[in-house]
């Protein structure tokens, strides 16, 4: 196993567990996304400080970010057995949730 695979797998496992805790404990969206960002930024810093482990830490950050956002979206998916109207609503909701996650990740808070 390559070092990058071990780092990526470990961080994905942590993000999975954190997502499970969010689901079970109904953690606030802002707090959850800030914690996800802290994990990803901490991983990025570690990889920059240990260049022998990862050639391109930015690539790993993108993989972890996409993984985290997909976890977020998976928890919001509507069953494919829903009527077409519900599928359209689900698609609009997914677009909004993608925007919402990105906004929270990049800015830290969502305006109320």
Protein backbone atom coordinates (compact mmCIF):
# COMPACT_ATOMS: atom_id res chain seq x y z
CA UNK A 1 0.00 0.00 0.00
CA UNK A 2 1.27 3.44 -0.88
CA UNK A 3 1.45 6.12 1.80
CA UNK A 4 -1.08 8.27 -0.05
CA UNK A 5 -3.58 5.41 0.01
CA UNK A 6 -3.13 5.02 3.76
CA UNK A 7 -3.56 8.75 4.38
CA UNK A 8 -6.60 8.99 2.10
CA UNK A 9 -8.22 5.88 3.56
CA UNK A 10 -7.68 7.02 7.13
CA UNK A 11 -9.11 10.48 6.52
CA UNK A 12 -12.09 9.07 4.62
CA UNK A 13 -12.76 6.75 7.55
CA UNK A 14 -12.68 9.72 9.93
CA UNK A 15 -15.00 11.71 7.65
CA UNK A 16 -17.39 8.74 7.43
CA UNK A 17 -17.49 8.43 11.20
CA UNK A 18 -18.01 12.15 11.60
CA UNK A 19 -20.88 12.03 9.12
CA UNK A 20 -22.46 9.17 11.06
CA UNK A 21 -22.22 11.19 14.28
CA UNK A 22 -23.81 14.17 12.50
CA UNK A 23 -26.68 11.99 11.38
CA UNK A 24 -27.18 10.37 14.80
CA UNK A 25 -26.78 13.51 16.90
CA UNK A 26 -28.31 16.05 14.52
CA UNK A 27 -25.26 18.33 14.61
CA UNK A 28 -25.71 21.84 13.21
CA UNK A 29 -24.76 22.16 9.52
CA UNK A 30 -22.29 24.97 10.13
CA UNK A 31 -20.50 23.10 12.90
CA UNK A 32 -20.36 19.92 10.83
CA UNK A 33 -18.93 21.57 7.70
CA UNK A 34 -16.41 23.55 9.76
CA UNK A 35 -15.21 20.30 11.34
CA UNK A 36 -14.96 18.67 7.90
CA UNK A 37 -12.89 21.63 6.72
CA UNK A 38 -10.62 21.39 9.78
CA UNK A 39 -9.98 17.71 9.08
CA UNK A 40 -9.20 18.36 5.41
CA UNK A 41 -7.00 21.38 6.16
CA UNK A 42 -5.15 19.43 8.86
CA UNK A 43 -4.53 16.63 6.39
CA UNK A 44 -3.31 19.13 3.80
CA UNK A 45 -0.90 20.69 6.28
CA UNK A 46 0.42 17.28 7.34
CA UNK A 47 1.00 16.28 3.71
CA UNK A 48 2.78 19.56 2.91
CA UNK A 49 5.06 19.04 5.90
CA UNK A 50 5.79 15.45 4.82
CA UNK A 51 6.29 15.66 1.04
CA UNK A 52 7.69 12.14 0.89
CA UNK A 53 4.16 10.83 1.60
CA UNK A 54 2.18 12.65 -1.06
CA UNK A 55 3.36 14.16 -4.34
CA UNK A 56 0.46 16.59 -4.74
CA UNK A 57 -1.37 17.44 -1.50
CA UNK A 58 -3.84 19.64 -3.41
CA UNK A 59 -5.08 16.62 -5.33
CA UNK A 60 -5.73 14.80 -2.05
CA UNK A 61 -7.59 17.85 -0.72
CA UNK A 62 -9.86 17.82 -3.79
CA UNK A 63 -10.55 14.10 -3.39
CA UNK A 64 -11.41 14.51 0.31
CA UNK A 65 -13.56 17.59 -0.33
CA UNK A 66 -15.54 15.81 -3.06
CA UNK A 67 -15.90 12.74 -0.83
CA UNK A 68 -17.22 14.88 2.04
CA UNK A 69 -19.67 16.75 -0.12
CA UNK A 70 -20.94 13.49 -1.61
CA UNK A 71 -21.52 12.10 1.90
CA UNK A 72 -23.54 15.24 2.61
CA UNK A 73 -25.59 14.82 -0.56
CA UNK A 74 -26.16 11.08 -0.07
CA UNK A 75 -27.93 11.73 3.17
CA UNK A 76 -30.39 13.98 1.31
CA UNK A 77 -31.19 11.73 -1.66
CA UNK A 78 -34.77 10.84 -2.47
CA UNK A 79 -35.57 7.30 -3.56
CA UNK A 80 -35.69 6.75 -7.31
CA UNK A 81 -39.15 5.23 -6.83
CA UNK A 82 -40.57 8.71 -6.26
CA UNK A 83 -42.85 10.25 -8.90
CA UNK A 84 -41.19 12.46 -11.56
CA UNK A 85 -42.29 15.64 -9.80
CA UNK A 86 -40.47 14.52 -6.65
CA UNK A 87 -37.35 13.73 -8.71
CA UNK A 88 -37.35 17.32 -10.02
CA UNK A 89 -37.66 18.65 -6.48
CA UNK A 90 -34.88 16.32 -5.36
CA UNK A 91 -32.62 17.56 -8.18
CA UNK A 92 -33.28 21.19 -7.26
CA UNK A 93 -32.65 20.35 -3.62
CA UNK A 94 -29.38 18.60 -4.53
CA UNK A 95 -28.21 21.66 -6.47
CA UNK A 96 -29.07 23.88 -3.52
CA UNK A 97 -27.43 21.53 -1.01
CA UNK A 98 -24.27 21.45 -3.13
CA UNK A 99 -24.23 25.25 -3.13
CA UNK A 100 -24.99 25.33 0.61
CA UNK A 101 -22.16 22.92 1.48
CA UNK A 102 -19.70 24.84 -0.73
CA UNK A 103 -20.78 28.14 0.83
CA UNK A 104 -20.38 26.87 4.38
CA UNK A 105 -17.02 25.29 3.56
CA UNK A 106 -15.62 28.41 1.94
CA UNK A 107 -17.15 31.08 4.18
CA UNK A 108 -17.82 29.38 7.48
CA UNK A 109 -21.39 30.63 8.00
CA UNK A 110 -24.53 30.96 5.98
CA UNK A 111 -26.42 34.26 6.16
CA UNK A 112 -29.73 34.06 7.97
